[in-house]
Amino acid sequence: FGSSRSPPSERSHGECDRMVSLELARVAERAERYDDMADYMQARVTEGHPLDTEERDMLSAAFKNALTERRMAVRIAVQVHAQELEEGRVEQANLADGYKTRVENELQSICKKVLQLLETVLLPNAEPGEAKTFYLKMQGDYCRYMAEFTFAETFQRYSAEAQSAYASGMAEAELLHQVHPVRLGLALNFSVFQHEVLRNTTQAIEIATSTLESASRHLDEVPEETRSDAYLTLQLLQDNTQLWTSGLDA
């Protein structure tokens, strides 16, 4: 049986660019150079062709990993600032606060880059169902990250935008199976947003519980290839529900 792939000489310039971007992104991921990986995936997105499942996962991983160490750095800087103030070292506290501001600016830049890609390319061209749910979840996530380190009107703006994106995603996810990993992941992140950002633990528990109850009736229908992802997300939903419920009862 012959291969359906075109010989190099017959491939379009756009297809070659796509392959180069993806291969460089894979190399950057193995090297744990996530800023570079994010740049290569951004180049892939701006080519305009819809992303397949692997490419969506690579896009998400690139920007999420680029953010992770910076989010941790902000939390540590906040702790250092508080400790230095408590011990009377004002100058050192100011240095820690300045470093926090610098990292927050990097976080904002990454989040805004992702949100622009989602708003101008990915969501307008997304197919209904899995792809659109995936991107709405991603939009909610990055608005949530923005809300985590902003205040006053900016916090209100990004909180409202996260709420809107997550809610739209939940509606779109009705097109997916009850135990589809993207649908479950969206419900998990939406519930975490309710608890951690909006401080609405009751609503967080309701989202998680409803998802668990719906999924429990279809556990025997989980495809083999997505079983581990689905079960892991369901376990996280269960753990969070128990933790949040015990917190309300305390």
C-alpha atoms as a PDB file:
ATOM      1  CA  PHE A   1       0.000   0.000   0.000  1.00  0.00           C
ATOM      2  CA  GLY A   2       1.530   3.344  -0.993  1.00  0.00           C
ATOM      3  CA  SER A   3       1.775   6.358   1.268  1.00  0.00           C
ATOM      4  CA  SER A   4      -0.755   9.151   0.772  1.00  0.00           C
ATOM      5  CA  ARG A   5       1.810  11.786   1.772  1.00  0.00           C
ATOM      6  CA  SER A   6       3.067  13.999  -1.029  1.00  0.00           C
ATOM      7  CA  PRO A   7       6.771  13.904  -1.959  1.00  0.00           C
ATOM      8  CA  PRO A   8       8.693  16.919  -0.639  1.00  0.00           C
ATOM      9  CA  SER A   9       8.737  18.506  -4.090  1.00  0.00           C
ATOM     10  CA  GLU A  10       4.926  18.380  -4.288  1.00  0.00           C
ATOM     11  CA  ARG A  11       4.166  19.796  -0.870  1.00  0.00           C
ATOM     12  CA  SER A  12       2.883  23.321  -0.691  1.00  0.00           C
ATOM     13  CA  HIS A  13       4.918  26.055   0.932  1.00  0.00           C
ATOM     14  CA  GLY A  14       2.265  26.326   3.663  1.00  0.00           C
ATOM     15  CA  GLU A  15       2.443  22.607   4.435  1.00  0.00           C
ATOM     16  CA  CYS A  16       6.239  22.799   4.734  1.00  0.00           C
ATOM     17  CA  ASP A  17       5.962  25.778   7.088  1.00  0.00           C
ATOM     18  CA  ARG A  18       3.454  23.850   9.192  1.00  0.00           C
ATOM     19  CA  MET A  19       5.729  20.819   9.442  1.00  0.00           C
ATOM     20  CA  VAL A  20       8.723  22.970  10.381  1.00  0.00           C
ATOM     21  CA  SER A  21       6.764  24.805  13.094  1.00  0.00           C
ATOM     22  CA  LEU A  22       5.512  21.539  14.591  1.00  0.00           C
ATOM     23  CA  GLU A  23       8.892  19.820  14.524  1.00  0.00           C
ATOM     24  CA  LEU A  24      10.597  22.803  16.147  1.00  0.00           C
ATOM     25  CA  ALA A  25       7.837  22.900  18.773  1.00  0.00           C
ATOM     26  CA  ARG A  26       8.468  19.218  19.561  1.00  0.00           C
ATOM     27  CA  VAL A  27      12.206  19.841  19.909  1.00  0.00           C
ATOM     28  CA  ALA A  28      11.584  22.842  22.167  1.00  0.00           C
ATOM     29  CA  GLU A  29       9.218  20.758  24.313  1.00  0.00           C
ATOM     30  CA  ARG A  30      11.824  18.022  24.783  1.00  0.00           C
ATOM     31  CA  ALA A  31      14.363  20.707  25.702  1.00  0.00           C
ATOM     32  CA  GLU A  32      11.825  22.217  28.132  1.00  0.00           C
ATOM     33  CA  ARG A  33      12.100  25.552  26.339  1.00  0.00           C
ATOM     34  CA  TYR A  34       8.424  26.367  26.625  1.00  0.00           C
ATOM     35  CA  ASP A  35       8.630  30.012  25.570  1.00  0.00           C
ATOM     36  CA  ASP A  36      10.172  28.834  22.308  1.00  0.00           C
ATOM     37  CA  MET A  37       7.566  26.086  21.986  1.00  0.00           C
ATOM     38  CA  ALA A  38       4.822  28.677  22.445  1.00  0.00           C
ATOM     39  CA  ASP A  39       6.337  30.855  19.711  1.00  0.00           C
ATOM     40  CA  TYR A  40       6.450  27.941  17.263  1.00  0.00           C
ATOM     41  CA  MET A  41       2.864  26.974  18.041  1.00  0.00           C
ATOM     42  CA  GLN A  42       1.784  30.587  17.627  1.00  0.00           C
ATOM     43  CA  ALA A  43       3.379  30.509  14.166  1.00  0.00           C
ATOM     44  CA  ARG A  44       1.425  27.333  13.425  1.00  0.00           C
ATOM     45  CA  VAL A  45      -1.859  28.958  14.510  1.00  0.00           C
ATOM     46  CA  THR A  46      -1.331  32.097  12.432  1.00  0.00           C
ATOM     47  CA  GLU A  47      -0.996  29.984   9.275  1.00  0.00           C
ATOM     48  CA  GLY A  48      -4.794  29.821   9.445  1.00  0.00           C
ATOM     49  CA  HIS A  49      -5.431  26.105   8.925  1.00  0.00           C
ATOM     50  CA  PRO A  50      -7.450  24.384  11.701  1.00  0.00           C
ATOM     51  CA  LEU A  51      -5.399  22.550  14.319  1.00  0.00           C
ATOM     52  CA  ASP A  52      -5.838  18.809  14.742  1.00  0.00           C
ATOM     53  CA  THR A  53      -6.129  17.181  18.181  1.00  0.00           C
ATOM     54  CA  GLU A  54      -2.376  16.744  18.650  1.00  0.00           C
ATOM     55  CA  GLU A  55      -1.706  20.338  17.613  1.00  0.00           C
ATOM     56  CA  ARG A  56      -4.354  21.663  20.025  1.00  0.00           C
ATOM     57  CA  ASP A  57      -2.743  19.698  22.844  1.00  0.00           C
ATOM     58  CA  MET A  58       0.698  21.022  21.899  1.00  0.00           C
ATOM     59  CA  LEU A  59      -0.598  24.595  21.821  1.00  0.00           C
ATOM     60  CA  SER A  60      -2.161  24.183  25.254  1.00  0.00           C
ATOM     61  CA  ALA A  61       0.940  22.521  26.727  1.00  0.00           C
ATOM     62  CA  ALA A  62       3.283  25.175  25.350  1.00  0.00           C
ATOM     63  CA  PHE A  63       1.524  28.160  26.865  1.00  0.00           C
ATOM     64  CA  LYS A  64       0.511  26.381  30.073  1.00  0.00           C
ATOM     65  CA  ASN A  65       4.103  25.363  30.798  1.00  0.00           C
ATOM     66  CA  ALA A  66       5.354  28.841  29.902  1.00  0.00           C
ATOM     67  CA  LEU A  67       2.966  30.169  32.565  1.00  0.00           C
ATOM     68  CA  THR A  68       3.479  27.563  35.279  1.00  0.00           C
ATOM     69  CA  GLU A  69       6.919  28.603  36.523  1.00  0.00           C
ATOM     70  CA  ARG A  70       5.936  32.266  36.380  1.00  0.00           C
ATOM     71  CA  ARG A  71       2.761  31.704  38.423  1.00  0.00           C
ATOM     72  CA  MET A  72       4.872  29.878  40.999  1.00  0.00           C
ATOM     73  CA  ALA A  73       7.433  32.699  40.963  1.00  0.00           C
ATOM     74  CA  VAL A  74       4.710  35.251  41.711  1.00  0.00           C
ATOM     75  CA  ARG A  75       3.439  33.211  44.658  1.00  0.00           C
ATOM     76  CA  ILE A  76       6.960  32.864  46.079  1.00  0.00           C
ATOM     77  CA  ALA A  77       7.665  36.576  45.628  1.00  0.00           C
ATOM     78  CA  VAL A  78       4.453  37.392  47.525  1.00  0.00           C
ATOM     79  CA  GLN A  79       5.564  35.127  50.376  1.00  0.00           C
ATOM     80  CA  VAL A  80       9.054  36.650  50.462  1.00  0.00           C
ATOM     81  CA  HIS A  81       7.604  40.169  50.442  1.00  0.00           C
ATOM     82  CA  ALA A  82       5.342  39.388  53.399  1.00  0.00           C
ATOM     83  CA  GLN A  83       8.119  37.681  55.350  1.00  0.00           C
ATOM     84  CA  GLU A  84      10.581  40.531  54.821  1.00  0.00           C
ATOM     85  CA  LEU A  85       7.992  43.087  55.892  1.00  0.00           C
ATOM     86  CA  GLU A  86       7.173  41.083  59.002  1.00  0.00           C
ATOM     87  CA  GLU A  87      10.853  41.007  59.942  1.00  0.00           C
ATOM     88  CA  GLY A  88      11.279  44.732  59.324  1.00  0.00           C
ATOM     89  CA  ARG A  89      13.428  44.540  56.189  1.00  0.00           C
ATOM     90  CA  VAL A  90      11.575  47.070  54.065  1.00  0.00           C
ATOM     91  CA  GLU A  91      14.217  47.405  51.348  1.00  0.00           C
ATOM     92  CA  GLN A  92      14.325  43.654  50.726  1.00  0.00           C
ATOM     93  CA  ALA A  93      10.520  43.556  50.746  1.00  0.00           C
ATOM     94  CA  ASN A  94      10.424  46.252  48.071  1.00  0.00           C
ATOM     95  CA  LEU A  95      12.870  44.277  45.939  1.00  0.00           C
ATOM     96  CA  ALA A  96      10.661  41.189  46.187  1.00  0.00           C
ATOM     97  CA  ASP A  97       7.630  43.261  45.265  1.00  0.00           C
ATOM     98  CA  GLY A  98       9.440  44.708  42.259  1.00  0.00           C
ATOM     99  CA  TYR A  99      10.393  41.238  41.098  1.00  0.00           C
ATOM    100  CA  LYS A 100       6.773  40.132  41.464  1.00  0.00           C
ATOM    101  CA  THR A 101       5.673  43.014  39.243  1.00  0.00           C
ATOM    102  CA  ARG A 102       8.212  42.069  36.601  1.00  0.00           C
ATOM    103  CA  VAL A 103       7.022  38.451  36.472  1.00  0.00           C
ATOM    104  CA  GLU A 104       3.371  39.550  36.470  1.00  0.00           C
ATOM    105  CA  ASN A 105       4.093  41.637  33.378  1.00  0.00           C
ATOM    106  CA  GLU A 106       5.477  38.519  31.687  1.00  0.00           C
ATOM    107  CA  LEU A 107       2.350  36.609  32.713  1.00  0.00           C
ATOM    108  CA  GLN A 108       0.108  39.298  31.298  1.00  0.00           C
ATOM    109  CA  SER A 109       1.999  39.286  28.010  1.00  0.00           C
ATOM    110  CA  ILE A 110       1.613  35.513  27.625  1.00  0.00           C
ATOM    111  CA  CYS A 111      -2.076  35.527  28.564  1.00  0.00           C
ATOM    112  CA  LYS A 112      -2.885  38.368  26.186  1.00  0.00           C
ATOM    113  CA  LYS A 113      -1.047  36.594  23.369  1.00  0.00           C
ATOM    114  CA  VAL A 114      -3.114  33.443  23.901  1.00  0.00           C
ATOM    115  CA  LEU A 115      -6.381  35.345  24.187  1.00  0.00           C
ATOM    116  CA  GLN A 116      -5.670  37.234  20.966  1.00  0.00           C
ATOM    117  CA  LEU A 117      -5.019  33.954  19.118  1.00  0.00           C
ATOM    118  CA  LEU A 118      -8.259  32.540  20.474  1.00  0.00           C
ATOM    119  CA  GLU A 119     -10.363  35.590  19.656  1.00  0.00           C
ATOM    120  CA  THR A 120      -8.981  36.329  16.185  1.00  0.00           C
ATOM    121  CA  VAL A 121      -8.117  32.907  14.739  1.00  0.00           C
ATOM    122  CA  LEU A 122      -9.014  29.828  16.755  1.00  0.00           C
ATOM    123  CA  LEU A 123     -12.574  30.441  17.948  1.00  0.00           C
ATOM    124  CA  PRO A 124     -13.892  32.094  14.764  1.00  0.00           C
ATOM    125  CA  ASN A 125     -12.699  29.091  12.726  1.00  0.00           C
ATOM    126  CA  ALA A 126     -13.473  26.311  15.240  1.00  0.00           C
ATOM    127  CA  GLU A 127     -15.728  23.434  14.273  1.00  0.00           C
ATOM    128  CA  PRO A 128     -18.697  22.925  16.634  1.00  0.00           C
ATOM    129  CA  GLY A 129     -18.244  20.353  19.368  1.00  0.00           C
ATOM    130  CA  GLU A 130     -14.811  19.260  20.547  1.00  0.00           C
ATOM    131  CA  ALA A 131     -12.674  21.976  18.965  1.00  0.00           C
ATOM    132  CA  LYS A 132     -14.930  24.854  19.986  1.00  0.00           C
ATOM    133  CA  THR A 133     -15.328  23.484  23.529  1.00  0.00           C
ATOM    134  CA  PHE A 134     -11.548  23.111  23.812  1.00  0.00           C
ATOM    135  CA  TYR A 135     -10.941  26.725  22.793  1.00  0.00           C
ATOM    136  CA  LEU A 136     -13.697  28.141  25.008  1.00  0.00           C
ATOM    137  CA  LYS A 137     -12.178  26.255  27.952  1.00  0.00           C
ATOM    138  CA  MET A 138      -8.782  27.684  27.045  1.00  0.00           C
ATOM    139  CA  GLN A 139     -10.263  31.184  26.825  1.00  0.00           C
ATOM    140  CA  GLY A 140     -11.808  30.769  30.258  1.00  0.00           C
ATOM    141  CA  ASP A 141      -8.521  29.486  31.671  1.00  0.00           C
ATOM    142  CA  TYR A 142      -6.441  32.429  30.447  1.00  0.00           C
ATOM    143  CA  CYS A 143      -8.988  34.993  31.569  1.00  0.00           C
ATOM    144  CA  ARG A 144      -8.886  33.211  34.951  1.00  0.00           C
ATOM    145  CA  TYR A 145      -5.091  33.476  35.048  1.00  0.00           C
ATOM    146  CA  MET A 146      -5.374  37.199  34.321  1.00  0.00           C
ATOM    147  CA  ALA A 147      -7.920  37.600  37.114  1.00  0.00           C
ATOM    148  CA  GLU A 148      -5.613  35.850  39.577  1.00  0.00           C
ATOM    149  CA  PHE A 149      -3.094  38.705  39.644  1.00  0.00           C
ATOM    150  CA  THR A 150      -5.169  41.770  38.815  1.00  0.00           C
ATOM    151  CA  PHE A 151      -7.369  43.969  40.975  1.00  0.00           C
ATOM    152  CA  ALA A 152     -10.414  46.237  40.964  1.00  0.00           C
ATOM    153  CA  GLU A 153     -11.890  46.909  37.516  1.00  0.00           C
ATOM    154  CA  THR A 154      -9.371  44.718  35.683  1.00  0.00           C
ATOM    155  CA  PHE A 155     -10.165  41.794  37.991  1.00  0.00           C
ATOM    156  CA  GLN A 156     -13.884  42.316  37.416  1.00  0.00           C
ATOM    157  CA  ARG A 157     -13.385  42.428  33.664  1.00  0.00           C
ATOM    158  CA  TYR A 158     -11.375  39.213  33.394  1.00  0.00           C
ATOM    159  CA  SER A 159     -13.534  37.398  35.940  1.00  0.00           C
ATOM    160  CA  ALA A 160     -16.622  38.247  33.879  1.00  0.00           C
ATOM    161  CA  GLU A 161     -14.909  37.182  30.656  1.00  0.00           C
ATOM    162  CA  ALA A 162     -13.786  33.894  32.219  1.00  0.00           C
ATOM    163  CA  GLN A 163     -17.316  33.248  33.479  1.00  0.00           C
ATOM    164  CA  SER A 164     -18.733  33.928  30.022  1.00  0.00           C
ATOM    165  CA  ALA A 165     -16.197  31.703  28.237  1.00  0.00           C
ATOM    166  CA  TYR A 166     -16.640  28.809  30.667  1.00  0.00           C
ATOM    167  CA  ALA A 167     -20.443  29.069  30.499  1.00  0.00           C
ATOM    168  CA  SER A 168     -20.358  29.107  26.693  1.00  0.00           C
ATOM    169  CA  GLY A 169     -18.029  26.136  26.800  1.00  0.00           C
ATOM    170  CA  MET A 170     -20.406  24.197  29.057  1.00  0.00           C
ATOM    171  CA  ALA A 171     -23.228  24.849  26.590  1.00  0.00           C
ATOM    172  CA  GLU A 172     -21.075  23.779  23.639  1.00  0.00           C
ATOM    173  CA  ALA A 173     -19.954  20.668  25.546  1.00  0.00           C
ATOM    174  CA  GLU A 174     -23.515  19.374  25.453  1.00  0.00           C
ATOM    175  CA  LEU A 175     -22.592  18.188  21.949  1.00  0.00           C
ATOM    176  CA  LEU A 176     -19.950  15.880  23.468  1.00  0.00           C
ATOM    177  CA  HIS A 177     -20.305  12.596  25.310  1.00  0.00           C
ATOM    178  CA  GLN A 178     -20.728  12.897  29.086  1.00  0.00           C
ATOM    179  CA  VAL A 179     -17.284  11.344  29.684  1.00  0.00           C
ATOM    180  CA  HIS A 180     -15.427  13.110  26.880  1.00  0.00           C
ATOM    181  CA  PRO A 181     -12.085  14.318  28.345  1.00  0.00           C
ATOM    182  CA  VAL A 182     -12.537  17.868  27.021  1.00  0.00           C
ATOM    183  CA  ARG A 183     -16.010  18.130  28.563  1.00  0.00           C
ATOM    184  CA  LEU A 184     -14.744  16.793  31.898  1.00  0.00           C
ATOM    185  CA  GLY A 185     -11.682  19.051  31.876  1.00  0.00           C
ATOM    186  CA  LEU A 186     -13.852  22.084  31.215  1.00  0.00           C
ATOM    187  CA  ALA A 187     -16.132  21.231  34.147  1.00  0.00           C
ATOM    188  CA  LEU A 188     -13.110  20.757  36.412  1.00  0.00           C
ATOM    189  CA  ASN A 189     -11.582  24.122  35.529  1.00  0.00           C
ATOM    190  CA  PHE A 190     -14.923  25.934  35.676  1.00  0.00           C
ATOM    191  CA  SER A 191     -15.526  24.596  39.189  1.00  0.00           C
ATOM    192  CA  VAL A 192     -12.009  25.587  40.286  1.00  0.00           C
ATOM    193  CA  PHE A 193     -12.623  29.086  38.909  1.00  0.00           C
ATOM    194  CA  GLN A 194     -15.826  29.369  40.925  1.00  0.00           C
ATOM    195  CA  HIS A 195     -14.060  28.286  44.110  1.00  0.00           C
ATOM    196  CA  GLU A 196     -10.691  30.025  43.822  1.00  0.00           C
ATOM    197  CA  VAL A 197     -11.484  33.234  41.937  1.00  0.00           C
ATOM    198  CA  LEU A 198     -15.150  34.023  42.585  1.00  0.00           C
ATOM    199  CA  ARG A 199     -15.129  32.406  46.061  1.00  0.00           C
ATOM    200  CA  ASN A 200     -18.433  30.783  45.163  1.00  0.00           C
ATOM    201  CA  THR A 201     -17.796  27.361  46.654  1.00  0.00           C
ATOM    202  CA  THR A 202     -21.452  26.361  46.559  1.00  0.00           C
ATOM    203  CA  GLN A 203     -21.541  26.856  42.779  1.00  0.00           C
ATOM    204  CA  ALA A 204     -18.204  25.034  42.417  1.00  0.00           C
ATOM    205  CA  ILE A 205     -19.615  22.016  44.251  1.00  0.00           C
ATOM    206  CA  GLU A 206     -22.773  22.098  42.137  1.00  0.00           C
ATOM    207  CA  ILE A 207     -20.796  22.057  38.866  1.00  0.00           C
ATOM    208  CA  ALA A 208     -18.516  19.247  40.045  1.00  0.00           C
ATOM    209  CA  THR A 209     -21.340  17.159  41.503  1.00  0.00           C
ATOM    210  CA  SER A 210     -23.526  17.517  38.420  1.00  0.00           C
ATOM    211  CA  THR A 211     -20.627  16.453  36.192  1.00  0.00           C
ATOM    212  CA  LEU A 212     -19.823  13.454  38.372  1.00  0.00           C
ATOM    213  CA  GLU A 213     -23.448  12.313  38.460  1.00  0.00           C
ATOM    214  CA  SER A 214     -23.820  12.634  34.695  1.00  0.00           C
ATOM    215  CA  ALA A 215     -20.544  10.841  33.991  1.00  0.00           C
ATOM    216  CA  SER A 216     -21.244   8.022  36.465  1.00  0.00           C
ATOM    217  CA  ARG A 217     -24.120   6.805  34.293  1.00  0.00           C
ATOM    218  CA  HIS A 218     -21.806   6.370  31.297  1.00  0.00           C
ATOM    219  CA  LEU A 219     -18.548   5.035  32.743  1.00  0.00           C
ATOM    220  CA  ASP A 220     -18.866   1.789  30.813  1.00  0.00           C
ATOM    221  CA  GLU A 221     -18.885   3.798  27.573  1.00  0.00           C
ATOM    222  CA  VAL A 222     -15.460   5.422  28.023  1.00  0.00           C
ATOM    223  CA  PRO A 223     -13.258   4.559  25.010  1.00  0.00           C
ATOM    224  CA  GLU A 224     -10.010   2.773  25.828  1.00  0.00           C
ATOM    225  CA  GLU A 225      -7.850   5.552  24.358  1.00  0.00           C
ATOM    226  CA  THR A 226      -9.320   8.243  26.631  1.00  0.00           C
ATOM    227  CA  ARG A 227     -10.040   6.153  29.725  1.00  0.00           C
ATOM    228  CA  SER A 228      -7.020   7.208  31.798  1.00  0.00           C
ATOM    229  CA  ASP A 229      -7.605  10.939  31.130  1.00  0.00           C
ATOM    230  CA  ALA A 230     -11.313  10.666  31.923  1.00  0.00           C
ATOM    231  CA  TYR A 231     -10.778   8.715  35.143  1.00  0.00           C
ATOM    232  CA  LEU A 232      -8.056  11.112  36.338  1.00  0.00           C
ATOM    233  CA  THR A 233     -10.301  14.141  35.805  1.00  0.00           C
ATOM    234  CA  LEU A 234     -13.232  12.428  37.524  1.00  0.00           C
ATOM    235  CA  GLN A 235     -10.998  11.647  40.498  1.00  0.00           C
ATOM    236  CA  LEU A 236      -9.922  15.302  40.716  1.00  0.00           C
ATOM    237  CA  LEU A 237     -13.556  16.393  40.601  1.00  0.00           C
ATOM    238  CA  GLN A 238     -14.374  13.924  43.373  1.00  0.00           C
ATOM    239  CA  ASP A 239     -11.425  15.032  45.521  1.00  0.00           C
ATOM    240  CA  ASN A 240     -12.303  18.717  45.091  1.00  0.00           C
ATOM    241  CA  THR A 241     -15.960  18.096  45.925  1.00  0.00           C
ATOM    242  CA  GLN A 242     -15.038  16.339  49.161  1.00  0.00           C
ATOM    243  CA  LEU A 243     -12.528  19.054  50.098  1.00  0.00           C
ATOM    244  CA  TRP A 244     -14.885  21.934  49.359  1.00  0.00           C
ATOM    245  CA  THR A 245     -17.809  20.270  51.100  1.00  0.00           C
ATOM    246  CA  SER A 246     -15.782  19.659  54.243  1.00  0.00           C
ATOM    247  CA  GLY A 247     -14.683  23.305  54.158  1.00  0.00           C
ATOM    248  CA  LEU A 248     -18.296  24.481  54.091  1.00  0.00           C
ATOM    249  CA  ASP A 249     -19.204  22.131  56.943  1.00  0.00           C
ATOM    250  CA  ALA A 250     -16.309  23.272  59.122  1.00  0.00           C
END
